[in-house]
């Protein structure tokens, strides 16, 4: 079946999948890169890498969401 002729239930399922996938990707990016920054801060006894890691995680997650759903 072509993408132009999706049944309403298939379209709703795709929307529900995206509705869960987008925030999950954003949270995972913040958690993974923020966690790596936190570990680096603990190891080096600094306080700069945690916020940098969170920002980098959000930027990369937004890029991934754009690549997957933005086209």
N, C-alpha and C. Protein backbone atom coordinates (compact mmCIF):
# COMPACT_ATOMS: atom_id res chain seq x y z
N UNK A 1 0.84 -1.17 0.00
CA UNK A 1 0.00 0.00 0.00
C UNK A 1 0.89 1.24 0.00
N UNK A 2 0.58 2.20 -0.82
CA UNK A 2 1.41 3.40 -0.90
C UNK A 2 1.16 4.30 0.31
N UNK A 3 2.10 5.21 0.55
CA UNK A 3 1.99 6.10 1.69
C UNK A 3 0.85 7.09 1.55
N UNK A 4 0.46 7.38 0.31
CA UNK A 4 -0.61 8.34 0.07
C UNK A 4 -1.97 7.81 0.48
N UNK A 5 -2.11 6.51 0.55
CA UNK A 5 -3.41 5.91 0.81
C UNK A 5 -3.41 5.11 2.09
N UNK A 6 -2.93 5.72 3.18
CA UNK A 6 -2.95 5.04 4.47
C UNK A 6 -4.35 5.04 5.04
N UNK A 7 -4.69 3.95 5.67
CA UNK A 7 -5.97 3.90 6.37
C UNK A 7 -5.88 4.75 7.62
N UNK A 8 -6.98 5.27 8.12
CA UNK A 8 -6.94 6.14 9.30
C UNK A 8 -6.29 5.49 10.53
N UNK A 9 -6.50 4.19 10.71
CA UNK A 9 -5.88 3.55 11.88
C UNK A 9 -4.36 3.45 11.73
N UNK A 10 -3.86 3.26 10.51
CA UNK A 10 -2.42 3.24 10.29
C UNK A 10 -1.81 4.62 10.50
N UNK A 11 -2.51 5.65 10.06
CA UNK A 11 -2.03 7.02 10.25
C UNK A 11 -2.02 7.37 11.74
N UNK A 12 -3.03 6.97 12.47
CA UNK A 12 -3.09 7.24 13.91
C UNK A 12 -1.99 6.47 14.64
N UNK A 13 -1.70 5.26 14.21
CA UNK A 13 -0.64 4.48 14.83
C UNK A 13 0.72 5.12 14.58
N UNK A 14 0.94 5.65 13.39
CA UNK A 14 2.19 6.35 13.09
C UNK A 14 2.33 7.61 13.93
N UNK A 15 1.24 8.33 14.13
CA UNK A 15 1.28 9.53 14.95
C UNK A 15 1.57 9.18 16.40
N UNK A 16 0.95 8.12 16.92
CA UNK A 16 1.19 7.71 18.30
C UNK A 16 2.64 7.26 18.49
N UNK A 17 3.17 6.58 17.49
CA UNK A 17 4.57 6.16 17.56
C UNK A 17 5.50 7.36 17.62
N UNK A 18 5.24 8.36 16.79
CA UNK A 18 6.06 9.58 16.79
C UNK A 18 5.88 10.34 18.09
N UNK A 19 4.67 10.37 18.61
CA UNK A 19 4.39 11.10 19.84
C UNK A 19 5.17 10.52 21.02
N UNK A 20 5.45 9.24 21.02
CA UNK A 20 6.27 8.63 22.08
C UNK A 20 7.75 8.67 21.74
N UNK A 21 8.08 8.57 20.48
CA UNK A 21 9.47 8.49 20.07
C UNK A 21 10.22 9.82 20.22
N UNK A 22 9.57 10.92 19.90
CA UNK A 22 10.25 12.23 19.94
C UNK A 22 10.67 12.61 21.35
N UNK A 23 9.76 12.62 22.35
CA UNK A 23 10.23 12.97 23.69
C UNK A 23 11.21 11.95 24.27
N UNK A 24 11.04 10.69 23.90
CA UNK A 24 11.97 9.67 24.38
C UNK A 24 13.37 9.92 23.84
N UNK A 25 13.48 10.30 22.58
CA UNK A 25 14.78 10.60 22.00
C UNK A 25 15.42 11.80 22.68
N UNK A 26 14.62 12.84 22.92
CA UNK A 26 15.15 14.04 23.59
C UNK A 26 15.62 13.73 25.01
N UNK A 27 14.84 12.98 25.76
CA UNK A 27 15.23 12.63 27.13
C UNK A 27 16.46 11.73 27.15
N UNK A 28 16.51 10.79 26.21
CA UNK A 28 17.67 9.89 26.17
C UNK A 28 18.94 10.65 25.82
N UNK A 29 18.86 11.59 24.90
CA UNK A 29 20.03 12.40 24.56
C UNK A 29 20.53 13.19 25.76
N UNK A 30 19.59 13.83 26.49
CA UNK A 30 19.98 14.59 27.68
C UNK A 30 20.58 13.67 28.74
N UNK A 31 19.97 12.51 28.91
CA UNK A 31 20.44 11.60 29.96
C UNK A 31 21.81 11.01 29.64
N UNK A 32 22.00 10.58 28.42
CA UNK A 32 23.27 9.93 28.06
C UNK A 32 24.42 10.92 28.07
N UNK A 33 24.25 12.04 27.35
CA UNK A 33 25.35 13.00 27.28
C UNK A 33 25.49 13.79 28.57
N UNK A 34 24.39 14.07 29.25
CA UNK A 34 24.47 14.71 30.56
C UNK A 34 25.14 13.79 31.57
N UNK A 35 24.82 12.50 31.51
CA UNK A 35 25.47 11.54 32.39
C UNK A 35 26.96 11.41 32.12
N UNK A 36 27.32 11.42 30.85
CA UNK A 36 28.74 11.38 30.51
C UNK A 36 29.45 12.63 31.02
N UNK A 37 28.79 13.79 30.89
CA UNK A 37 29.36 15.03 31.41
C UNK A 37 29.49 15.02 32.91
N UNK A 38 28.49 14.46 33.58
CA UNK A 38 28.53 14.36 35.05
C UNK A 38 29.69 13.47 35.49
N UNK A 39 29.85 12.33 34.81
CA UNK A 39 30.97 11.44 35.14
C UNK A 39 32.31 12.13 34.89
N UNK A 40 32.42 12.85 33.81
CA UNK A 40 33.65 13.60 33.52
C UNK A 40 33.90 14.67 34.58
N UNK A 41 32.83 15.34 35.02
CA UNK A 41 32.97 16.34 36.09
C UNK A 41 33.46 15.70 37.39
N UNK A 42 32.91 14.55 37.71
CA UNK A 42 33.33 13.85 38.94
C UNK A 42 34.79 13.42 38.84
N UNK A 43 35.17 12.93 37.70
CA UNK A 43 36.52 12.42 37.50
C UNK A 43 37.55 13.55 37.52
N UNK A 44 37.22 14.68 36.88
CA UNK A 44 38.15 15.80 36.79
C UNK A 44 37.95 16.85 37.88
N UNK A 45 36.95 16.66 38.74
CA UNK A 45 36.62 17.59 39.82
C UNK A 45 36.35 19.00 39.27
N UNK A 46 35.48 19.05 38.25
CA UNK A 46 35.05 20.31 37.65
C UNK A 46 33.54 20.39 37.70
N UNK A 47 32.98 21.45 37.12
CA UNK A 47 31.52 21.55 37.06
C UNK A 47 31.02 22.06 35.71
N UNK A 48 31.82 21.96 34.69
CA UNK A 48 31.44 22.51 33.39
C UNK A 48 30.90 21.47 32.42
N UNK A 49 31.27 20.22 32.57
CA UNK A 49 30.93 19.24 31.55
C UNK A 49 29.49 18.75 31.62
N UNK A 50 28.86 18.76 32.78
CA UNK A 50 27.47 18.32 32.87
C UNK A 50 26.54 19.20 32.03
N UNK A 51 26.55 20.52 32.22
CA UNK A 51 25.66 21.33 31.36
C UNK A 51 26.04 21.28 29.88
N UNK A 52 27.31 21.18 29.59
CA UNK A 52 27.73 21.05 28.19
C UNK A 52 27.20 19.75 27.61
N UNK A 53 27.28 18.67 28.39
CA UNK A 53 26.77 17.38 27.94
C UNK A 53 25.28 17.39 27.70
N UNK A 54 24.53 18.07 28.58
CA UNK A 54 23.08 18.15 28.40
C UNK A 54 22.75 18.91 27.12
N UNK A 55 23.42 20.02 26.89
CA UNK A 55 23.16 20.82 25.68
C UNK A 55 23.54 20.04 24.43
N UNK A 56 24.68 19.39 24.45
CA UNK A 56 25.10 18.58 23.29
C UNK A 56 24.09 17.45 23.06
N UNK A 57 23.61 16.83 24.12
CA UNK A 57 22.62 15.76 23.98
C UNK A 57 21.33 16.25 23.37
N UNK A 58 20.87 17.42 23.78
CA UNK A 58 19.64 17.97 23.21
C UNK A 58 19.83 18.31 21.73
N UNK A 59 20.96 18.92 21.41
CA UNK A 59 21.22 19.30 20.01
C UNK A 59 21.26 18.05 19.13
N UNK A 60 21.97 17.03 19.56
CA UNK A 60 22.04 15.81 18.76
C UNK A 60 20.69 15.11 18.67
N UNK A 61 19.91 15.13 19.74
CA UNK A 61 18.59 14.50 19.72
C UNK A 61 17.65 15.26 18.78
N UNK A 62 17.69 16.57 18.80
CA UNK A 62 16.86 17.35 17.88
C UNK A 62 17.26 17.05 16.43
N UNK A 63 18.55 16.93 16.19
CA UNK A 63 19.01 16.57 14.84
C UNK A 63 18.47 15.20 14.42
N UNK A 64 18.52 14.23 15.33
CA UNK A 64 18.00 12.90 15.01
C UNK A 64 16.50 12.93 14.74
N UNK A 65 15.76 13.68 15.54
CA UNK A 65 14.31 13.80 15.33
C UNK A 65 14.03 14.47 14.00
N UNK A 66 14.78 15.51 13.69
CA UNK A 66 14.61 16.18 12.39
C UNK A 66 14.87 15.22 11.24
N UNK A 67 15.95 14.44 11.34
CA UNK A 67 16.28 13.49 10.27
C UNK A 67 15.18 12.44 10.09
N UNK A 68 14.58 12.02 11.19
CA UNK A 68 13.59 10.95 11.12
C UNK A 68 12.20 11.46 10.73
N UNK A 69 11.77 12.60 11.29
CA UNK A 69 10.40 13.04 11.09
C UNK A 69 10.27 14.36 10.33
N UNK A 70 11.35 15.06 10.08
CA UNK A 70 11.26 16.38 9.51
C UNK A 70 11.20 16.44 8.00
N UNK A 71 11.35 15.38 7.33
CA UNK A 71 11.38 15.40 5.86
C UNK A 71 10.04 15.13 5.25
